[in-house]
Amino acid sequence: MIRFLINIVIFFGSALLALWVTDVLLEDFTLGYPMGLVVAGALYALIQAILSPLIFKMTNKHASALLGGVGLLSTFVALWLTTLFTGEDGLNITSATGWLLGTLLVWLITAIAGWVLPLIFLKNRMEAKN
C-alpha cells in the first residue's frame, strides 16, 4: 500500500515538475500560479494515467508501427484536455511551437522523472527498512 502511494506521489510530482520546467522554458506555455500549477498538474497526471493505457491498447491493436509515439500522443492529448478543463487560470498553450515543444518537453521530463524519482524515494525506503 505504501509503495502504491509513493508511486502516486512520484507520478504527480513528475507531472508538476514537467509542467513547471516547461512553463519556465517556453514563452507560449504558461501556467497560473500557484493553484493553476497544482490543478493543472493533478488533472494532467490523472488524464495521463487514464489515457496512456487506452492509447497504447488502441495503437497496439490498430497501428502497431506507431507504438513508439504512444507517450508523445498521450502527452499531447492530456495537455490538450488539461487546457480545456483548467481555463485561463490553469494551463495555456498559445502557439504551434508551444504545443510541439511543450509536448516534447513534458513527455521527456516526466519520462526521466518517472525513472529517477522512484530510484531515489524507493531506495531511501529500502535503506530505512534495513
Protein backbone atom coordinates (compact mmCIF):
# COMPACT_ATOMS: atom_id res chain seq x y z
CA MET A 1 0.00 0.00 0.00
CA ILE A 2 2.83 2.39 0.89
CA ARG A 3 4.58 1.66 -2.41
CA PHE A 4 1.35 2.46 -4.30
CA LEU A 5 1.04 5.81 -2.51
CA ILE A 6 4.69 6.59 -3.20
CA ASN A 7 4.12 5.83 -6.89
CA ILE A 8 1.13 8.20 -6.95
CA VAL A 9 3.21 10.96 -5.34
CA ILE A 10 6.05 10.32 -7.79
CA PHE A 11 3.66 10.43 -10.78
CA PHE A 12 2.08 13.68 -9.54
CA GLY A 13 5.49 15.14 -8.69
CA SER A 14 6.87 14.33 -12.13
CA ALA A 15 3.83 15.99 -13.74
CA LEU A 16 4.29 19.13 -11.60
CA LEU A 17 8.00 19.24 -12.37
CA ALA A 18 7.44 18.79 -16.11
CA LEU A 19 4.75 21.46 -16.31
CA TRP A 20 6.79 23.92 -14.23
CA VAL A 21 10.04 23.45 -16.18
CA THR A 22 8.19 23.71 -19.49
CA ASP A 23 6.49 26.90 -18.30
CA VAL A 24 9.89 28.35 -17.38
CA LEU A 25 11.48 27.39 -20.71
CA LEU A 26 8.69 28.21 -23.18
CA GLU A 27 7.06 31.59 -23.61
CA ASP A 28 3.93 30.12 -25.26
CA PHE A 29 3.33 27.58 -22.46
CA THR A 30 2.02 29.31 -19.34
CA LEU A 31 0.57 28.31 -16.01
CA GLY A 32 -1.39 30.29 -13.46
CA TYR A 33 0.42 30.24 -10.10
CA PRO A 34 0.13 28.73 -7.58
CA MET A 35 -3.24 27.00 -7.93
CA GLY A 36 -3.01 26.74 -11.71
CA LEU A 37 0.12 24.64 -11.38
CA VAL A 38 -1.41 22.34 -8.75
CA VAL A 39 -4.73 21.91 -10.55
CA ALA A 40 -3.13 21.51 -13.98
CA GLY A 41 -0.58 19.05 -12.54
CA ALA A 42 -3.23 16.95 -10.84
CA LEU A 43 -5.52 16.99 -13.86
CA TYR A 44 -2.70 16.25 -16.30
CA ALA A 45 -1.46 13.34 -14.14
CA LEU A 46 -4.97 11.88 -13.85
CA ILE A 47 -5.71 12.21 -17.58
CA GLN A 48 -2.30 10.79 -18.49
CA ALA A 49 -2.80 7.82 -16.14
CA ILE A 50 -6.13 7.04 -17.83
CA LEU A 51 -5.14 7.78 -21.44
CA SER A 52 -1.74 6.08 -21.67
CA PRO A 53 -3.01 2.50 -21.35
CA LEU A 54 -6.00 3.21 -23.61
CA ILE A 55 -3.92 4.79 -26.37
CA PHE A 56 -1.33 2.01 -26.06
CA LYS A 57 -4.03 -0.66 -26.39
CA MET A 58 -5.67 1.04 -29.39
CA THR A 59 -2.33 1.65 -31.10
CA ASN A 60 -1.14 -1.89 -30.46
CA LYS A 61 -4.36 -3.27 -31.95
CA HIS A 62 -4.78 -0.96 -34.95
CA ALA A 63 -1.42 0.65 -35.74
CA SER A 64 1.44 -1.23 -34.10
CA ALA A 65 4.02 0.65 -36.18
CA LEU A 66 3.16 3.77 -34.17
CA LEU A 67 3.77 2.26 -30.72
CA GLY A 68 6.90 4.38 -30.20
CA GLY A 69 4.79 7.54 -30.33
CA VAL A 70 2.23 6.47 -27.74
CA GLY A 71 3.87 8.51 -24.97
CA LEU A 72 4.00 11.64 -27.10
CA LEU A 73 0.44 11.19 -28.32
CA SER A 74 -0.96 10.61 -24.83
CA THR A 75 1.05 13.60 -23.54
CA PHE A 76 -0.37 15.83 -26.29
CA VAL A 77 -3.95 14.70 -25.64
CA ALA A 78 -3.52 15.06 -21.85
CA LEU A 79 -2.14 18.59 -22.30
CA TRP A 80 -4.99 19.50 -24.65
CA LEU A 81 -7.64 18.22 -22.23
CA THR A 82 -5.89 19.96 -19.33
CA THR A 83 -6.02 23.29 -21.20
CA LEU A 84 -9.72 22.76 -21.84
CA PHE A 85 -10.59 21.93 -18.24
CA THR A 86 -8.38 24.42 -16.40
CA GLY A 87 -9.24 27.55 -18.38
CA GLU A 88 -7.39 30.86 -18.11
CA ASP A 89 -6.16 30.28 -14.55
CA GLY A 90 -4.62 26.90 -15.37
CA LEU A 91 -2.60 25.80 -18.36
CA ASN A 92 -2.48 27.91 -21.52
CA ILE A 93 -0.63 26.98 -24.70
CA THR A 94 -0.85 29.71 -27.31
CA SER A 95 1.13 28.65 -30.37
CA ALA A 96 2.06 25.67 -32.51
CA THR A 97 5.59 25.94 -31.13
CA GLY A 98 4.19 25.84 -27.59
CA TRP A 99 2.20 22.73 -28.46
CA LEU A 100 5.05 20.91 -30.19
CA LEU A 101 7.90 21.80 -27.85
CA GLY A 102 5.63 21.70 -24.81
CA THR A 103 4.51 18.17 -25.63
CA LEU A 104 8.08 17.05 -26.21
CA LEU A 105 9.43 18.67 -23.03
CA VAL A 106 6.62 17.47 -20.78
CA TRP A 107 6.95 13.94 -22.17
CA LEU A 108 10.73 13.93 -21.78
CA ILE A 109 10.74 15.39 -18.26
CA THR A 110 8.01 13.07 -16.98
CA ALA A 111 9.81 10.09 -18.53
CA ILE A 112 13.12 11.00 -16.87
CA ALA A 113 11.49 11.92 -13.55
CA GLY A 114 9.39 8.75 -13.64
CA TRP A 115 12.61 6.78 -13.93
CA VAL A 116 14.83 8.73 -11.49
CA LEU A 117 12.40 9.63 -8.68
CA PRO A 118 11.45 6.02 -7.82
CA LEU A 119 15.15 5.17 -7.57
CA ILE A 120 15.61 7.98 -5.06
CA PHE A 121 12.45 7.53 -2.97
CA LEU A 122 12.16 3.76 -3.06
CA LYS A 123 15.90 3.34 -2.42
CA ASN A 124 15.62 5.56 0.67
CA ARG A 125 12.63 3.49 1.82
CA MET A 126 14.53 0.23 1.31
CA GLU A 127 17.53 1.60 3.23
CA ALA A 128 15.25 2.68 6.09
CA LYS A 129 13.89 -0.87 6.31
CA ASN A 130 17.38 -2.34 6.77
